[in-house]
Amino acid sequence: MSFKSKLAFVVALAPAAAMAQSSVSQARIVPAPVEPPRLHVCAEQQASLYDRKAYLDIDKAELDRERDSIARESARLASDMRGLDTRDTAAVAAYNARSADHNSRVENYNGRVAEMNRAAALLTGDSADFVAYCNTLRFSRR
């Protein structure tokens, strides 16, 4: 057998060899799970609840910083009180003024905490109403 005939023989068998190497895929097409239809009002309400929660978190962080500042000022006032010369009327008057300012600041802080607690209670109630209404709806397809 000459080289040309061997080459012709190999070229003639190449398509058969290529067909012999084919395989069958085991992949299957599975339909995506069908989500139930959602009401637009529920989606909007959920977004509103998330926004309200985010704003409450911002307010809480601000109140936490204020609380820490009040605690530091309270510690300074207590330290100043221990070293206060009660015979010096000007020093006592200055301390009383700072103490009154501090008490006013604490009262303002307590009012803001009460407001935030009311807002958190409203959010909790609205979230419960949301779950009761939107998460338990049954849809019918026509």
C-alpha atoms as a PDB file:
ATOM      1  CA  MET A   1       0.000   0.000   0.000  1.00  0.00           C
ATOM      2  CA  SER A   2       1.400   3.312  -0.994  1.00  0.00           C
ATOM      3  CA  PHE A   3       1.332   6.441   1.051  1.00  0.00           C
ATOM      4  CA  LYS A   4      -1.371   7.996  -1.112  1.00  0.00           C
ATOM      5  CA  SER A   5      -3.635   5.003  -0.732  1.00  0.00           C
ATOM      6  CA  LYS A   6      -3.116   4.954   3.072  1.00  0.00           C
ATOM      7  CA  LEU A   7      -3.952   8.640   3.199  1.00  0.00           C
ATOM      8  CA  ALA A   8      -7.070   8.105   1.069  1.00  0.00           C
ATOM      9  CA  PHE A   9      -8.115   5.238   3.357  1.00  0.00           C
ATOM     10  CA  VAL A  10      -7.688   7.378   6.522  1.00  0.00           C
ATOM     11  CA  VAL A  11      -9.568  10.300   4.944  1.00  0.00           C
ATOM     12  CA  ALA A  12     -12.389   7.942   3.921  1.00  0.00           C
ATOM     13  CA  LEU A  13     -12.713   6.575   7.487  1.00  0.00           C
ATOM     14  CA  ALA A  14     -12.542   9.997   9.216  1.00  0.00           C
ATOM     15  CA  PRO A  15     -16.326  10.713   8.981  1.00  0.00           C
ATOM     16  CA  ALA A  16     -17.099   7.260  10.388  1.00  0.00           C
ATOM     17  CA  ALA A  17     -14.682   7.840  13.287  1.00  0.00           C
ATOM     18  CA  ALA A  18     -16.227  11.223  13.990  1.00  0.00           C
ATOM     19  CA  MET A  19     -19.711   9.684  14.109  1.00  0.00           C
ATOM     20  CA  ALA A  20     -18.519   6.968  16.457  1.00  0.00           C
ATOM     21  CA  GLN A  21     -17.453   9.582  19.032  1.00  0.00           C
ATOM     22  CA  SER A  22     -20.886  11.150  19.450  1.00  0.00           C
ATOM     23  CA  SER A  23     -22.581  10.952  22.837  1.00  0.00           C
ATOM     24  CA  VAL A  24     -26.076  11.538  24.172  1.00  0.00           C
ATOM     25  CA  SER A  25     -26.533  14.366  26.657  1.00  0.00           C
ATOM     26  CA  GLN A  26     -28.221  13.553  29.939  1.00  0.00           C
ATOM     27  CA  ALA A  27     -29.370  17.163  30.411  1.00  0.00           C
ATOM     28  CA  ARG A  28     -33.074  17.808  30.820  1.00  0.00           C
ATOM     29  CA  ILE A  29     -35.022  21.007  30.449  1.00  0.00           C
ATOM     30  CA  VAL A  30     -36.945  21.665  33.622  1.00  0.00           C
ATOM     31  CA  PRO A  31     -39.558  24.419  33.671  1.00  0.00           C
ATOM     32  CA  ALA A  32     -38.870  27.251  36.096  1.00  0.00           C
ATOM     33  CA  PRO A  33     -41.053  27.281  39.194  1.00  0.00           C
ATOM     34  CA  VAL A  34     -44.077  29.454  38.695  1.00  0.00           C
ATOM     35  CA  GLU A  35     -44.411  32.196  41.286  1.00  0.00           C
ATOM     36  CA  PRO A  36     -47.901  33.049  42.340  1.00  0.00           C
ATOM     37  CA  PRO A  37     -49.133  36.392  41.082  1.00  0.00           C
ATOM     38  CA  ARG A  38     -48.489  39.284  43.424  1.00  0.00           C
ATOM     39  CA  LEU A  39     -50.678  42.235  44.119  1.00  0.00           C
ATOM     40  CA  HIS A  40     -49.026  45.558  43.341  1.00  0.00           C
ATOM     41  CA  VAL A  41     -50.409  47.036  46.543  1.00  0.00           C
ATOM     42  CA  CYS A  42     -48.569  44.363  48.546  1.00  0.00           C
ATOM     43  CA  ALA A  43     -45.283  45.050  46.749  1.00  0.00           C
ATOM     44  CA  GLU A  44     -45.664  48.792  47.354  1.00  0.00           C
ATOM     45  CA  GLN A  45     -46.584  48.279  51.004  1.00  0.00           C
ATOM     46  CA  GLN A  46     -43.593  45.997  51.534  1.00  0.00           C
ATOM     47  CA  ALA A  47     -41.272  48.614  50.035  1.00  0.00           C
ATOM     48  CA  SER A  48     -42.821  51.232  52.318  1.00  0.00           C
ATOM     49  CA  LEU A  49     -42.289  49.008  55.362  1.00  0.00           C
ATOM     50  CA  TYR A  50     -38.626  48.476  54.418  1.00  0.00           C
ATOM     51  CA  ASP A  51     -38.146  52.244  54.029  1.00  0.00           C
ATOM     52  CA  ARG A  52     -39.758  52.959  57.391  1.00  0.00           C
ATOM     53  CA  LYS A  53     -37.538  50.344  59.046  1.00  0.00           C
ATOM     54  CA  ALA A  54     -34.447  51.889  57.452  1.00  0.00           C
ATOM     55  CA  TYR A  55     -35.413  55.347  58.734  1.00  0.00           C
ATOM     56  CA  LEU A  56     -36.031  53.935  62.218  1.00  0.00           C
ATOM     57  CA  ASP A  57     -32.562  52.364  62.134  1.00  0.00           C
ATOM     58  CA  ILE A  58     -31.050  55.756  61.222  1.00  0.00           C
ATOM     59  CA  ASP A  59     -32.970  57.433  64.056  1.00  0.00           C
ATOM     60  CA  LYS A  60     -31.885  54.737  66.499  1.00  0.00           C
ATOM     61  CA  ALA A  61     -28.228  55.179  65.570  1.00  0.00           C
ATOM     62  CA  GLU A  62     -28.571  58.936  66.112  1.00  0.00           C
ATOM     63  CA  LEU A  63     -30.262  58.401  69.471  1.00  0.00           C
ATOM     64  CA  ASP A  64     -27.536  55.943  70.486  1.00  0.00           C
ATOM     65  CA  ARG A  65     -24.881  58.578  69.738  1.00  0.00           C
ATOM     66  CA  GLU A  66     -26.868  61.134  71.754  1.00  0.00           C
ATOM     67  CA  ARG A  67     -27.212  58.662  74.646  1.00  0.00           C
ATOM     68  CA  ASP A  68     -23.450  58.107  74.685  1.00  0.00           C
ATOM     69  CA  SER A  69     -22.824  61.858  74.659  1.00  0.00           C
ATOM     70  CA  ILE A  70     -25.286  62.354  77.515  1.00  0.00           C
ATOM     71  CA  ALA A  71     -23.550  59.602  79.515  1.00  0.00           C
ATOM     72  CA  ARG A  72     -20.157  61.296  79.035  1.00  0.00           C
ATOM     73  CA  GLU A  73     -21.580  64.670  80.090  1.00  0.00           C
ATOM     74  CA  SER A  74     -23.238  63.055  83.106  1.00  0.00           C
ATOM     75  CA  ALA A  75     -19.906  61.540  84.151  1.00  0.00           C
ATOM     76  CA  ARG A  76     -18.223  64.973  83.793  1.00  0.00           C
ATOM     77  CA  LEU A  77     -20.936  66.598  85.902  1.00  0.00           C
ATOM     78  CA  ALA A  78     -20.570  63.940  88.594  1.00  0.00           C
ATOM     79  CA  SER A  79     -16.814  64.456  88.636  1.00  0.00           C
ATOM     80  CA  ASP A  80     -17.260  68.226  88.822  1.00  0.00           C
ATOM     81  CA  MET A  81     -19.769  67.813  91.660  1.00  0.00           C
ATOM     82  CA  ARG A  82     -17.262  65.828  93.718  1.00  0.00           C
ATOM     83  CA  GLY A  83     -14.650  68.573  93.321  1.00  0.00           C
ATOM     84  CA  LEU A  84     -17.054  71.500  93.700  1.00  0.00           C
ATOM     85  CA  ASP A  85     -16.276  74.020  96.421  1.00  0.00           C
ATOM     86  CA  THR A  86     -19.727  74.612  97.874  1.00  0.00           C
ATOM     87  CA  ARG A  87     -18.574  77.849  99.550  1.00  0.00           C
ATOM     88  CA  ASP A  88     -17.918  79.427  96.105  1.00  0.00           C
ATOM     89  CA  THR A  89     -21.337  80.723  95.067  1.00  0.00           C
ATOM     90  CA  ALA A  90     -20.234  81.552  91.507  1.00  0.00           C
ATOM     91  CA  ALA A  91     -18.909  78.002  90.985  1.00  0.00           C
ATOM     92  CA  VAL A  92     -22.102  76.524  92.432  1.00  0.00           C
ATOM     93  CA  ALA A  93     -24.235  78.755  90.176  1.00  0.00           C
ATOM     94  CA  ALA A  94     -22.190  77.724  87.095  1.00  0.00           C
ATOM     95  CA  TYR A  95     -22.507  74.059  88.026  1.00  0.00           C
ATOM     96  CA  ASN A  96     -26.258  74.415  88.566  1.00  0.00           C
ATOM     97  CA  ALA A  97     -26.632  76.075  85.145  1.00  0.00           C
ATOM     98  CA  ARG A  98     -24.690  73.256  83.434  1.00  0.00           C
ATOM     99  CA  SER A  99     -26.721  70.698  85.375  1.00  0.00           C
ATOM    100  CA  ALA A 100     -29.988  72.358  84.327  1.00  0.00           C
ATOM    101  CA  ASP A 101     -28.855  72.346  80.663  1.00  0.00           C
ATOM    102  CA  HIS A 102     -27.960  68.688  81.012  1.00  0.00           C
ATOM    103  CA  ASN A 103     -31.339  67.857  82.548  1.00  0.00           C
ATOM    104  CA  SER A 104     -33.095  69.684  79.701  1.00  0.00           C
ATOM    105  CA  ARG A 105     -31.042  67.717  77.176  1.00  0.00           C
ATOM    106  CA  VAL A 106     -31.955  64.440  78.926  1.00  0.00           C
ATOM    107  CA  GLU A 107     -35.645  65.402  78.912  1.00  0.00           C
ATOM    108  CA  ASN A 108     -35.484  66.198  75.188  1.00  0.00           C
ATOM    109  CA  TYR A 109     -33.707  62.880  74.547  1.00  0.00           C
ATOM    110  CA  ASN A 110     -36.333  60.948  76.518  1.00  0.00           C
ATOM    111  CA  GLY A 111     -39.088  62.582  74.454  1.00  0.00           C
ATOM    112  CA  ARG A 112     -37.370  61.588  71.215  1.00  0.00           C
ATOM    113  CA  VAL A 113     -36.946  58.013  72.480  1.00  0.00           C
ATOM    114  CA  ALA A 114     -40.659  57.874  73.307  1.00  0.00           C
ATOM    115  CA  GLU A 115     -41.503  59.150  69.800  1.00  0.00           C
ATOM    116  CA  MET A 116     -39.250  56.532  68.225  1.00  0.00           C
ATOM    117  CA  ASN A 117     -40.819  53.811  70.352  1.00  0.00           C
ATOM    118  CA  ARG A 118     -44.279  54.870  69.140  1.00  0.00           C
ATOM    119  CA  ALA A 119     -43.063  54.817  65.527  1.00  0.00           C
ATOM    120  CA  ALA A 120     -41.553  51.364  66.062  1.00  0.00           C
ATOM    121  CA  ALA A 121     -44.832  50.128  67.572  1.00  0.00           C
ATOM    122  CA  LEU A 122     -46.754  51.476  64.563  1.00  0.00           C
ATOM    123  CA  LEU A 123     -44.314  49.778  62.194  1.00  0.00           C
ATOM    124  CA  THR A 124     -44.673  46.506  64.074  1.00  0.00           C
ATOM    125  CA  GLY A 125     -48.464  46.699  63.840  1.00  0.00           C
ATOM    126  CA  ASP A 126     -48.364  47.613  60.154  1.00  0.00           C
ATOM    127  CA  SER A 127     -45.952  44.753  59.488  1.00  0.00           C
ATOM    128  CA  ALA A 128     -48.294  42.316  61.227  1.00  0.00           C
ATOM    129  CA  ASP A 129     -51.210  43.624  59.152  1.00  0.00           C
ATOM    130  CA  PHE A 130     -49.104  43.247  56.002  1.00  0.00           C
ATOM    131  CA  VAL A 131     -48.306  39.624  56.799  1.00  0.00           C
ATOM    132  CA  ALA A 132     -51.916  38.880  57.683  1.00  0.00           C
ATOM    133  CA  TYR A 133     -53.188  40.369  54.426  1.00  0.00           C
ATOM    134  CA  CYS A 134     -50.547  39.896  51.744  1.00  0.00           C
ATOM    135  CA  ASN A 135     -48.857  36.649  52.738  1.00  0.00           C
ATOM    136  CA  THR A 136     -52.064  34.684  53.194  1.00  0.00           C
ATOM    137  CA  LEU A 137     -53.893  35.624  50.004  1.00  0.00           C
ATOM    138  CA  ARG A 138     -55.007  32.789  47.773  1.00  0.00           C
ATOM    139  CA  PHE A 139     -55.128  33.543  44.068  1.00  0.00           C
ATOM    140  CA  SER A 140     -57.360  31.872  41.560  1.00  0.00           C
ATOM    141  CA  ARG A 141     -56.499  31.656  37.915  1.00  0.00           C
ATOM    142  CA  ARG A 142     -59.354  32.054  35.439  1.00  0.00           C
END
